[in-house]
Amino acid sequence: MQGAARGDLPRETGELWPAETELLGALSRTGERTHPFPAMRQNRESGVRQHLRHVVAGRDITIWEMDVSNPVGAVSPCPPTLAWLMFRRDRRVQRLRVVFPEPPR
């Protein structure tokens, strides 16, 4: 996580998220296979920071709960919390979905 926050793709991240890893949901383009790292880099470059709050891990699913801080004056800020839902096979992430909380009603 620290390497990704710096914009690096550490060896461990490359092993955890191989080239065939697919980003699903709001951060990806429909019908296009997208690796998570470019979206992570784009958020970091725009000043968004994520801080790990809680981890739940099972055999094939891992959930990271994150607290998010946005740069002052962000035009389109991220919500203050989100979760990464990772579907794994053979210990490697095959699909990642970033889950955003629903806006208050």
PDB file of N, CA and C in Angstrom:
ATOM      1  N   MET A   1       0.829  -1.192   0.000  1.00  0.00           N
ATOM      2  CA  MET A   1       0.000   0.000   0.000  1.00  0.00           C
ATOM      3  C   MET A   1       0.871   1.254   0.000  1.00  0.00           C
ATOM      4  N   GLN A   2       1.970   1.217   0.748  1.00  0.00           N
ATOM      5  CA  GLN A   2       2.835   2.396   0.796  1.00  0.00           C
ATOM      6  C   GLN A   2       3.479   2.665  -0.564  1.00  0.00           C
ATOM      7  N   GLY A   3       3.895   1.603  -1.247  1.00  0.00           N
ATOM      8  CA  GLY A   3       4.479   1.775  -2.577  1.00  0.00           C
ATOM      9  C   GLY A   3       3.467   2.330  -3.558  1.00  0.00           C
ATOM     10  N   ALA A   4       2.258   1.827  -3.511  1.00  0.00           N
ATOM     11  CA  ALA A   4       1.206   2.330  -4.398  1.00  0.00           C
ATOM     12  C   ALA A   4       0.910   3.788  -4.091  1.00  0.00           C
ATOM     13  N   ALA A   5       0.945   4.172  -2.816  1.00  0.00           N
ATOM     14  CA  ALA A   5       0.708   5.566  -2.440  1.00  0.00           C
ATOM     15  C   ALA A   5       1.788   6.478  -3.004  1.00  0.00           C
ATOM     16  N   ARG A   6       2.987   5.951  -3.180  1.00  0.00           N
ATOM     17  CA  ARG A   6       4.082   6.734  -3.771  1.00  0.00           C
ATOM     18  C   ARG A   6       4.022   6.731  -5.296  1.00  0.00           C
ATOM     19  N   GLY A   7       3.161   5.873  -5.862  1.00  0.00           N
ATOM     20  CA  GLY A   7       3.073   5.789  -7.314  1.00  0.00           C
ATOM     21  C   GLY A   7       3.908   4.668  -7.888  1.00  0.00           C
ATOM     22  N   ASP A   8       4.513   3.870  -7.020  1.00  0.00           N
ATOM     23  CA  ASP A   8       5.318   2.742  -7.477  1.00  0.00           C
ATOM     24  C   ASP A   8       4.424   1.522  -7.660  1.00  0.00           C
ATOM     25  N   LEU A   9       4.875   0.603  -8.451  1.00  0.00           N
ATOM     26  CA  LEU A   9       4.212  -0.698  -8.529  1.00  0.00           C
ATOM     27  C   LEU A   9       5.204  -1.695  -7.949  1.00  0.00           C
ATOM     28  N   PRO A  10       5.186  -1.841  -6.610  1.00  0.00           N
ATOM     29  CA  PRO A  10       6.137  -2.751  -5.973  1.00  0.00           C
ATOM     30  C   PRO A  10       5.948  -4.183  -6.459  1.00  0.00           C
ATOM     31  N   ARG A  11       6.991  -4.966  -6.362  1.00  0.00           N
ATOM     32  CA  ARG A  11       6.953  -6.365  -6.781  1.00  0.00           C
ATOM     33  C   ARG A  11       5.789  -7.094  -6.127  1.00  0.00           C
ATOM     34  N   GLU A  12       5.568  -6.831  -4.832  1.00  0.00           N
ATOM     35  CA  GLU A  12       4.480  -7.499  -4.116  1.00  0.00           C
ATOM     36  C   GLU A  12       3.118  -7.163  -4.722  1.00  0.00           C
ATOM     37  N   THR A  13       2.935  -5.920  -5.147  1.00  0.00           N
ATOM     38  CA  THR A  13       1.669  -5.517  -5.766  1.00  0.00           C
ATOM     39  C   THR A  13       1.512  -6.215  -7.108  1.00  0.00           C
ATOM     40  N   GLY A  14       2.572  -6.304  -7.871  1.00  0.00           N
ATOM     41  CA  GLY A  14       2.528  -6.998  -9.148  1.00  0.00           C
ATOM     42  C   GLY A  14       2.200  -8.472  -8.979  1.00  0.00           C
ATOM     43  N   GLU A  15       2.664  -9.062  -7.888  1.00  0.00           N
ATOM     44  CA  GLU A  15       2.356 -10.468  -7.615  1.00  0.00           C
ATOM     45  C   GLU A  15       0.917 -10.635  -7.139  1.00  0.00           C
ATOM     46  N   LEU A  16       0.454  -9.689  -6.329  1.00  0.00           N
ATOM     47  CA  LEU A  16      -0.914  -9.753  -5.809  1.00  0.00           C
ATOM     48  C   LEU A  16      -1.933  -9.454  -6.913  1.00  0.00           C
ATOM     49  N   TRP A  17      -1.622  -8.478  -7.767  1.00  0.00           N
ATOM     50  CA  TRP A  17      -2.512  -8.059  -8.844  1.00  0.00           C
ATOM     51  C   TRP A  17      -1.805  -8.272 -10.182  1.00  0.00           C
ATOM     52  N   PRO A  18      -1.875  -9.474 -10.723  1.00  0.00           N
ATOM     53  CA  PRO A  18      -1.210  -9.748 -11.998  1.00  0.00           C
ATOM     54  C   PRO A  18      -1.859  -8.963 -13.142  1.00  0.00           C
ATOM     55  N   ALA A  19      -1.240  -9.022 -14.301  1.00  0.00           N
ATOM     56  CA  ALA A  19      -1.715  -8.262 -15.464  1.00  0.00           C
ATOM     57  C   ALA A  19      -3.162  -8.569 -15.818  1.00  0.00           C
ATOM     58  N   GLU A  20      -3.632  -9.775 -15.508  1.00  0.00           N
ATOM     59  CA  GLU A  20      -5.010 -10.131 -15.863  1.00  0.00           C
ATOM     60  C   GLU A  20      -6.036  -9.659 -14.831  1.00  0.00           C
ATOM     61  N   THR A  21      -5.595  -8.998 -13.757  1.00  0.00           N
ATOM     62  CA  THR A  21      -6.535  -8.451 -12.776  1.00  0.00           C
ATOM     63  C   THR A  21      -7.436  -7.439 -13.453  1.00  0.00           C
ATOM     64  N   GLU A  22      -8.706  -7.470 -13.095  1.00  0.00           N
ATOM     65  CA  GLU A  22      -9.684  -6.591 -13.728  1.00  0.00           C
ATOM     66  C   GLU A  22     -10.347  -5.692 -12.690  1.00  0.00           C
ATOM     67  N   LEU A  23     -10.392  -4.405 -12.987  1.00  0.00           N
ATOM     68  CA  LEU A  23     -11.084  -3.432 -12.160  1.00  0.00           C
ATOM     69  C   LEU A  23     -12.524  -3.360 -12.639  1.00  0.00           C
ATOM     70  N   LEU A  24     -13.471  -3.531 -11.732  1.00  0.00           N
ATOM     71  CA  LEU A  24     -14.891  -3.529 -12.076  1.00  0.00           C
ATOM     72  C   LEU A  24     -15.579  -2.325 -11.457  1.00  0.00           C
ATOM     73  N   GLY A  25     -16.679  -1.899 -12.045  1.00  0.00           N
ATOM     74  CA  GLY A  25     -17.521  -0.883 -11.428  1.00  0.00           C
ATOM     75  C   GLY A  25     -17.259   0.524 -11.913  1.00  0.00           C
ATOM     76  N   ALA A  26     -17.540   1.482 -11.033  1.00  0.00           N
ATOM     77  CA  ALA A  26     -17.539   2.905 -11.386  1.00  0.00           C
ATOM     78  C   ALA A  26     -16.186   3.425 -11.862  1.00  0.00           C
ATOM     79  N   LEU A  27     -15.098   2.804 -11.456  1.00  0.00           N
ATOM     80  CA  LEU A  27     -13.771   3.296 -11.833  1.00  0.00           C
ATOM     81  C   LEU A  27     -13.248   2.701 -13.137  1.00  0.00           C
ATOM     82  N   SER A  28     -14.039   1.832 -13.755  1.00  0.00           N
ATOM     83  CA  SER A  28     -13.603   1.220 -15.013  1.00  0.00           C
ATOM     84  C   SER A  28     -14.550   1.608 -16.131  1.00  0.00           C
ATOM     85  N   ARG A  29     -14.145   1.314 -17.341  1.00  0.00           N
ATOM     86  CA  ARG A  29     -14.984   1.597 -18.506  1.00  0.00           C
ATOM     87  C   ARG A  29     -15.704   0.327 -18.922  1.00  0.00           C
ATOM     88  N   THR A  30     -16.988   0.457 -19.187  1.00  0.00           N
ATOM     89  CA  THR A  30     -17.807  -0.693 -19.564  1.00  0.00           C
ATOM     90  C   THR A  30     -17.226  -1.388 -20.788  1.00  0.00           C
ATOM     91  N   GLY A  31     -17.082  -2.705 -20.687  1.00  0.00           N
ATOM     92  CA  GLY A  31     -16.587  -3.497 -21.806  1.00  0.00           C
ATOM     93  C   GLY A  31     -15.089  -3.451 -21.998  1.00  0.00           C
ATOM     94  N   GLU A  32     -14.378  -2.713 -21.168  1.00  0.00           N
ATOM     95  CA  GLU A  32     -12.929  -2.588 -21.306  1.00  0.00           C
ATOM     96  C   GLU A  32     -12.250  -3.181 -20.082  1.00  0.00           C
ATOM     97  N   ARG A  33     -11.269  -4.034 -20.297  1.00  0.00           N
ATOM     98  CA  ARG A  33     -10.525  -4.629 -19.184  1.00  0.00           C
ATOM     99  C   ARG A  33      -9.530  -3.578 -18.678  1.00  0.00           C
ATOM    100  N   THR A  34      -9.651  -3.243 -17.409  1.00  0.00           N
ATOM    101  CA  THR A  34      -8.826  -2.190 -16.827  1.00  0.00           C
ATOM    102  C   THR A  34      -8.103  -2.737 -15.610  1.00  0.00           C
ATOM    103  N   HIS A  35      -6.787  -2.580 -15.563  1.00  0.00           N
ATOM    104  CA  HIS A  35      -6.020  -2.974 -14.387  1.00  0.00           C
ATOM    105  C   HIS A  35      -6.187  -1.888 -13.322  1.00  0.00           C
ATOM    106  N   PRO A  36      -6.219  -2.235 -12.033  1.00  0.00           N
ATOM    107  CA  PRO A  36      -6.464  -1.240 -10.973  1.00  0.00           C
ATOM    108  C   PRO A  36      -5.383  -0.174 -10.845  1.00  0.00           C
ATOM    109  N   PHE A  37      -4.139  -0.490 -11.168  1.00  0.00           N
ATOM    110  CA  PHE A  37      -3.060   0.440 -10.844  1.00  0.00           C
ATOM    111  C   PHE A  37      -3.189   1.803 -11.524  1.00  0.00           C
ATOM    112  N   PRO A  38      -3.579   1.932 -12.798  1.00  0.00           N
ATOM    113  CA  PRO A  38      -3.726   3.275 -13.377  1.00  0.00           C
ATOM    114  C   PRO A  38      -4.753   4.143 -12.638  1.00  0.00           C
ATOM    115  N   ALA A  39      -5.851   3.557 -12.181  1.00  0.00           N
ATOM    116  CA  ALA A  39      -6.843   4.327 -11.420  1.00  0.00           C
ATOM    117  C   ALA A  39      -6.260   4.757 -10.080  1.00  0.00           C
ATOM    118  N   MET A  40      -5.496   3.862  -9.444  1.00  0.00           N
ATOM    119  CA  MET A  40      -4.847   4.213  -8.181  1.00  0.00           C
ATOM    120  C   MET A  40      -3.874   5.365  -8.384  1.00  0.00           C
ATOM    121  N   ARG A  41      -3.100   5.299  -9.452  1.00  0.00           N
ATOM    122  CA  ARG A  41      -2.120   6.348  -9.747  1.00  0.00           C
ATOM    123  C   ARG A  41      -2.822   7.682 -10.012  1.00  0.00           C
ATOM    124  N   GLN A  42      -3.907   7.646 -10.782  1.00  0.00           N
ATOM    125  CA  GLN A  42      -4.635   8.872 -11.100  1.00  0.00           C
ATOM    126  C   GLN A  42      -5.179   9.524  -9.832  1.00  0.00           C
ATOM    127  N   ASN A  43      -5.751   8.732  -8.937  1.00  0.00           N
ATOM    128  CA  ASN A  43      -6.251   9.285  -7.678  1.00  0.00           C
ATOM    129  C   ASN A  43      -5.133   9.878  -6.848  1.00  0.00           C
ATOM    130  N   ARG A  44      -4.015   9.180  -6.768  1.00  0.00           N
ATOM    131  CA  ARG A  44      -2.887   9.682  -5.991  1.00  0.00           C
ATOM    132  C   ARG A  44      -2.387  10.997  -6.572  1.00  0.00           C
ATOM    133  N   GLU A  45      -2.273  11.072  -7.901  1.00  0.00           N
ATOM    134  CA  GLU A  45      -1.787  12.295  -8.543  1.00  0.00           C
ATOM    135  C   GLU A  45      -2.746  13.466  -8.359  1.00  0.00           C
ATOM    136  N   SER A  46      -4.034  13.184  -8.152  1.00  0.00           N
ATOM    137  CA  SER A  46      -5.003  14.263  -7.918  1.00  0.00           C
ATOM    138  C   SER A  46      -5.063  14.660  -6.440  1.00  0.00           C
ATOM    139  N   GLY A  47      -4.265  14.004  -5.602  1.00  0.00           N
ATOM    140  CA  GLY A  47      -4.174  14.381  -4.196  1.00  0.00           C
ATOM    141  C   GLY A  47      -5.032  13.568  -3.251  1.00  0.00           C
ATOM    142  N   VAL A  48      -5.760  12.589  -3.762  1.00  0.00           N
ATOM    143  CA  VAL A  48      -6.591  11.729  -2.916  1.00  0.00           C
ATOM    144  C   VAL A  48      -5.684  10.753  -2.167  1.00  0.00           C
ATOM    145  N   ARG A  49      -5.941  10.600  -0.876  1.00  0.00           N
ATOM    146  CA  ARG A  49      -5.178   9.655  -0.070  1.00  0.00           C
ATOM    147  C   ARG A  49      -6.144   8.683   0.597  1.00  0.00           C
ATOM    148  N   GLN A  50      -5.767   7.413   0.606  1.00  0.00           N
ATOM    149  CA  GLN A  50      -6.569   6.399   1.265  1.00  0.00           C
ATOM    150  C   GLN A  50      -5.758   5.801   2.407  1.00  0.00           C
ATOM    151  N   HIS A  51      -6.450   5.570   3.508  1.00  0.00           N
ATOM    152  CA  HIS A  51      -5.806   5.054   4.710  1.00  0.00           C
ATOM    153  C   HIS A  51      -6.551   3.797   5.142  1.00  0.00           C
ATOM    154  N   LEU A  52      -5.827   2.710   5.245  1.00  0.00           N
ATOM    155  CA  LEU A  52      -6.427   1.436   5.608  1.00  0.00           C
ATOM    156  C   LEU A  52      -7.002   1.498   7.017  1.00  0.00           C
ATOM    157  N   ARG A  53      -8.284   1.164   7.143  1.00  0.00           N
ATOM    158  CA  ARG A  53      -8.961   1.179   8.441  1.00  0.00           C
ATOM    159  C   ARG A  53      -9.184  -0.227   8.971  1.00  0.00           C
ATOM    160  N   HIS A  54      -9.583  -1.159   8.082  1.00  0.00           N
ATOM    161  CA  HIS A  54      -9.943  -2.485   8.550  1.00  0.00           C
ATOM    162  C   HIS A  54      -9.796  -3.478   7.408  1.00  0.00           C
ATOM    163  N   VAL A  55      -9.428  -4.707   7.728  1.00  0.00           N
ATOM    164  CA  VAL A  55      -9.280  -5.767   6.727  1.00  0.00           C
ATOM    165  C   VAL A  55     -10.097  -6.975   7.155  1.00  0.00           C
ATOM    166  N   VAL A  56     -10.809  -7.546   6.205  1.00  0.00           N
ATOM    167  CA  VAL A  56     -11.496  -8.819   6.402  1.00  0.00           C
ATOM    168  C   VAL A  56     -11.010  -9.715   5.262  1.00  0.00           C
ATOM    169  N   ALA A  57     -10.484 -10.872   5.601  1.00  0.00           N
ATOM    170  CA  ALA A  57      -9.931 -11.744   4.569  1.00  0.00           C
ATOM    171  C   ALA A  57     -10.436 -13.164   4.735  1.00  0.00           C
ATOM    172  N   GLY A  58     -10.791 -13.751   3.631  1.00  0.00           N
ATOM    173  CA  GLY A  58     -11.186 -15.148   3.583  1.00  0.00           C
ATOM    174  C   GLY A  58     -10.354 -15.842   2.522  1.00  0.00           C
ATOM    175  N   ARG A  59     -10.712 -17.047   2.220  1.00  0.00           N
ATOM    176  CA  ARG A  59      -9.959 -17.836   1.247  1.00  0.00           C
ATOM    177  C   ARG A  59      -9.945 -17.187  -0.143  1.00  0.00           C
ATOM    178  N   ASP A  60     -11.100 -16.699  -0.599  1.00  0.00           N
ATOM    179  CA  ASP A  60     -11.213 -16.188  -1.965  1.00  0.00           C
ATOM    180  C   ASP A  60     -11.629 -14.732  -2.055  1.00  0.00           C
ATOM    181  N   ILE A  61     -11.924 -14.105  -0.925  1.00  0.00           N
ATOM    182  CA  ILE A  61     -12.369 -12.716  -0.915  1.00  0.00           C
ATOM    183  C   ILE A  61     -11.607 -11.958   0.157  1.00  0.00           C
ATOM    184  N   THR A  62     -11.181 -10.748  -0.179  1.00  0.00           N
ATOM    185  CA  THR A  62     -10.555  -9.850   0.786  1.00  0.00           C
ATOM    186  C   THR A  62     -11.255  -8.504   0.686  1.00  0.00           C
ATOM    187  N   ILE A  63     -11.521  -7.894   1.833  1.00  0.00           N
ATOM    188  CA  ILE A  63     -12.145  -6.575   1.865  1.00  0.00           C
ATOM    189  C   ILE A  63     -11.238  -5.639   2.641  1.00  0.00           C
ATOM    190  N   TRP A  64     -10.899  -4.513   2.024  1.00  0.00           N
ATOM    191  CA  TRP A  64     -10.161  -3.456   2.701  1.00  0.00           C
ATOM    192  C   TRP A  64     -11.124  -2.297   2.896  1.00  0.00           C
ATOM    193  N   GLU A  65     -11.351  -1.884   4.127  1.00  0.00           N
ATOM    194  CA  GLU A  65     -12.133  -0.681   4.404  1.00  0.00           C
ATOM    195  C   GLU A  65     -11.146   0.474   4.493  1.00  0.00           C
ATOM    196  N   MET A  66     -11.472   1.561   3.791  1.00  0.00           N
ATOM    197  CA  MET A  66     -10.542   2.678   3.694  1.00  0.00           C
ATOM    198  C   MET A  66     -11.198   3.973   4.155  1.00  0.00           C
ATOM    199  N   ASP A  67     -10.414   4.820   4.820  1.00  0.00           N
ATOM    200  CA  ASP A  67     -10.793   6.200   5.066  1.00  0.00           C
ATOM    201  C   ASP A  67     -10.113   7.015   3.970  1.00  0.00           C
ATOM    202  N   VAL A  68     -10.788   8.019   3.473  1.00  0.00           N
ATOM    203  CA  VAL A  68     -10.287   8.786   2.332  1.00  0.00           C
ATOM    204  C   VAL A  68     -10.150  10.252   2.707  1.00  0.00           C
ATOM    205  N   SER A  69      -9.036  10.853   2.310  1.00  0.00           N
ATOM    206  CA  SER A  69      -8.881  12.302   2.456  1.00  0.00           C
ATOM    207  C   SER A  69      -8.672  12.889   1.063  1.00  0.00           C
ATOM    208  N   ASN A  70      -9.344  13.993   0.819  1.00  0.00           N
ATOM    209  CA  ASN A  70      -9.286  14.679  -0.470  1.00  0.00           C
ATOM    210  C   ASN A  70      -8.477  15.961  -0.329  1.00  0.00           C
ATOM    211  N   PRO A  71      -7.895  16.429  -1.426  1.00  0.00           N
ATOM    212  CA  PRO A  71      -7.189  17.711  -1.357  1.00  0.00           C
ATOM    213  C   PRO A  71      -8.195  18.847  -1.141  1.00  0.00           C
ATOM    214  N   VAL A  72      -7.752  19.911  -0.528  1.00  0.00           N
ATOM    215  CA  VAL A  72      -8.596  21.079  -0.312  1.00  0.00           C
ATOM    216  C   VAL A  72      -9.068  21.601  -1.663  1.00  0.00           C
ATOM    217  N   GLY A  73     -10.360  21.874  -1.760  1.00  0.00           N
ATOM    218  CA  GLY A  73     -10.915  22.435  -2.992  1.00  0.00           C
ATOM    219  C   GLY A  73     -11.142  21.423  -4.097  1.00  0.00           C
ATOM    220  N   ALA A  74     -11.139  20.135  -3.788  1.00  0.00           N
ATOM    221  CA  ALA A  74     -11.345  19.110  -4.812  1.00  0.00           C
ATOM    222  C   ALA A  74     -12.694  19.333  -5.496  1.00  0.00           C
ATOM    223  N   VAL A  75     -12.687  19.338  -6.826  1.00  0.00           N
ATOM    224  CA  VAL A  75     -13.895  19.577  -7.607  1.00  0.00           C
ATOM    225  C   VAL A  75     -14.857  18.399  -7.493  1.00  0.00           C
ATOM    226  N   SER A  76     -14.319  17.208  -7.554  1.00  0.00           N
ATOM    227  CA  SER A  76     -15.138  15.995  -7.504  1.00  0.00           C
ATOM    228  C   SER A  76     -14.550  15.067  -6.443  1.00  0.00           C
ATOM    229  N   PRO A  77     -14.762  15.398  -5.157  1.00  0.00           N
ATOM    230  CA  PRO A  77     -14.102  14.631  -4.098  1.00  0.00           C
ATOM    231  C   PRO A  77     -14.633  13.208  -3.972  1.00  0.00           C
ATOM    232  N   CYS A  78     -13.760  12.328  -3.509  1.00  0.00           N
ATOM    233  CA  CYS A  78     -14.169  10.965  -3.182  1.00  0.00           C
ATOM    234  C   CYS A  78     -14.950  11.003  -1.880  1.00  0.00           C
ATOM    235  N   PRO A  79     -15.794  10.010  -1.644  1.00  0.00           N
ATOM    236  CA  PRO A  79     -16.483   9.952  -0.351  1.00  0.00           C
ATOM    237  C   PRO A  79     -15.465   9.699   0.762  1.00  0.00           C
ATOM    238  N   PRO A  80     -15.833  10.004   2.009  1.00  0.00           N
ATOM    239  CA  PRO A  80     -14.875   9.868   3.108  1.00  0.00           C
ATOM    240  C   PRO A  80     -14.508   8.426   3.451  1.00  0.00           C
ATOM    241  N   THR A  81     -15.291   7.472   2.989  1.00  0.00           N
ATOM    242  CA  THR A  81     -14.972   6.060   3.198  1.00  0.00           C
ATOM    243  C   THR A  81     -15.315   5.289   1.937  1.00  0.00           C
ATOM    244  N   LEU A  82     -14.662   4.150   1.771  1.00  0.00           N
ATOM    245  CA  LEU A  82     -14.973   3.233   0.680  1.00  0.00           C
ATOM    246  C   LEU A  82     -14.396   1.883   1.038  1.00  0.00           C
ATOM    247  N   ALA A  83     -14.724   0.900   0.236  1.00  0.00           N
ATOM    248  CA  ALA A  83     -14.204  -0.451   0.488  1.00  0.00           C
ATOM    249  C   ALA A  83     -13.699  -1.042  -0.814  1.00  0.00           C
ATOM    250  N   TRP A  84     -12.622  -1.784  -0.720  1.00  0.00           N
ATOM    251  CA  TRP A  84     -12.089  -2.532  -1.852  1.00  0.00           C
ATOM    252  C   TRP A  84     -12.523  -3.973  -1.653  1.00  0.00           C
ATOM    253  N   LEU A  85     -13.234  -4.514  -2.611  1.00  0.00           N
ATOM    254  CA  LEU A  85     -13.682  -5.900  -2.569  1.00  0.00           C
ATOM    255  C   LEU A  85     -12.871  -6.658  -3.609  1.00  0.00           C
ATOM    256  N   MET A  86     -11.991  -7.535  -3.133  1.00  0.00           N
ATOM    257  CA  MET A  86     -11.075  -8.258  -4.024  1.00  0.00           C
ATOM    258  C   MET A  86     -11.442  -9.730  -4.074  1.00  0.00           C
ATOM    259  N   PHE A  87     -11.655 -10.217  -5.285  1.00  0.00           N
ATOM    260  CA  PHE A  87     -11.951 -11.629  -5.516  1.00  0.00           C
ATOM    261  C   PHE A  87     -10.647 -12.292  -5.947  1.00  0.00           C
ATOM    262  N   ARG A  88     -10.216 -13.303  -5.208  1.00  0.00           N
ATOM    263  CA  ARG A  88      -8.915 -13.922  -5.465  1.00  0.00           C
ATOM    264  C   ARG A  88      -9.053 -15.362  -5.932  1.00  0.00           C
ATOM    265  N   ARG A  89      -8.058 -15.785  -6.672  1.00  0.00           N
ATOM    266  CA  ARG A  89      -7.895 -17.190  -7.054  1.00  0.00           C
ATOM    267  C   ARG A  89      -6.407 -17.492  -6.916  1.00  0.00           C
ATOM    268  N   ASP A  90      -6.093 -18.567  -6.243  1.00  0.00           N
ATOM    269  CA  ASP A  90      -4.693 -18.943  -6.002  1.00  0.00           C
ATOM    270  C   ASP A  90      -3.906 -17.791  -5.381  1.00  0.00           C
ATOM    271  N   ARG A  91      -4.543 -17.107  -4.424  1.00  0.00           N
ATOM    272  CA  ARG A  91      -3.941 -16.012  -3.650  1.00  0.00           C
ATOM    273  C   ARG A  91      -3.753 -14.724  -4.435  1.00  0.00           C
ATOM    274  N   ARG A  92      -4.093 -14.691  -5.701  1.00  0.00           N
ATOM    275  CA  ARG A  92      -3.905 -13.501  -6.520  1.00  0.00           C
ATOM    276  C   ARG A  92      -5.259 -12.884  -6.856  1.00  0.00           C
ATOM    277  N   VAL A  93      -5.315 -11.564  -6.878  1.00  0.00           N
ATOM    278  CA  VAL A  93      -6.560 -10.862  -7.158  1.00  0.00           C
ATOM    279  C   VAL A  93      -6.905 -11.009  -8.638  1.00  0.00           C
ATOM    280  N   GLN A  94      -8.103 -11.477  -8.900  1.00  0.00           N
ATOM    281  CA  GLN A  94      -8.584 -11.609 -10.274  1.00  0.00           C
ATOM    282  C   GLN A  94      -9.478 -10.427 -10.642  1.00  0.00           C
ATOM    283  N   ARG A  95     -10.281  -9.990  -9.664  1.00  0.00           N
ATOM    284  CA  ARG A  95     -11.175  -8.856  -9.885  1.00  0.00           C
ATOM    285  C   ARG A  95     -11.175  -7.971  -8.647  1.00  0.00           C
ATOM    286  N   LEU A  96     -11.234  -6.668  -8.869  1.00  0.00           N
ATOM    287  CA  LEU A  96     -11.317  -5.686  -7.790  1.00  0.00           C
ATOM    288  C   LEU A  96     -12.508  -4.782  -8.065  1.00  0.00           C
ATOM    289  N   ARG A  97     -13.361  -4.645  -7.083  1.00  0.00           N
ATOM    290  CA  ARG A  97     -14.474  -3.696  -7.170  1.00  0.00           C
ATOM    291  C   ARG A  97     -14.324  -2.726  -6.008  1.00  0.00           C
ATOM    292  N   VAL A  98     -14.302  -1.432  -6.308  1.00  0.00           N
ATOM    293  CA  VAL A  98     -14.281  -0.413  -5.274  1.00  0.00           C
ATOM    294  C   VAL A  98     -15.737  -0.045  -4.997  1.00  0.00           C
ATOM    295  N   VAL A  99     -16.122  -0.199  -3.729  1.00  0.00           N
ATOM    296  CA  VAL A  99     -17.518   0.017  -3.341  1.00  0.00           C
ATOM    297  C   VAL A  99     -17.601   1.345  -2.600  1.00  0.00           C
ATOM    298  N   PHE A 100     -18.437   2.230  -3.130  1.00  0.00           N
ATOM    299  CA  PHE A 100     -18.645   3.537  -2.520  1.00  0.00           C
ATOM    300  C   PHE A 100     -19.942   3.521  -1.712  1.00  0.00           C
ATOM    301  N   PRO A 101     -19.981   4.216  -0.579  1.00  0.00           N
ATOM    302  CA  PRO A 101     -21.220   4.258   0.196  1.00  0.00           C
ATOM    303  C   PRO A 101     -22.296   5.024  -0.576  1.00  0.00           C
ATOM    304  N   GLU A 102     -23.529   4.683  -0.296  1.00  0.00           N
ATOM    305  CA  GLU A 102     -24.616   5.420  -0.926  1.00  0.00           C
ATOM    306  C   GLU A 102     -24.689   6.807  -0.292  1.00  0.00           C
ATOM    307  N   PRO A 103     -25.030   7.823  -1.097  1.00  0.00           N
ATOM    308  CA  PRO A 103     -25.148   9.163  -0.511  1.00  0.00           C
ATOM    309  C   PRO A 103     -26.304   9.216   0.492  1.00  0.00           C
ATOM    310  N   PRO A 104     -26.191  10.061   1.508  1.00  0.00           N
ATOM    311  CA  PRO A 104     -27.286  10.168   2.473  1.00  0.00           C
ATOM    312  C   PRO A 104     -28.567  10.619   1.790  1.00  0.00           C
ATOM    313  N   ARG A 105     -29.679  10.122   2.268  1.00  0.00           N
ATOM    314  CA  ARG A 105     -30.975  10.494   1.668  1.00  0.00           C
ATOM    315  C   ARG A 105     -31.569  11.672   2.391  1.00  0.00           C
TER     316      ARG A 105
END
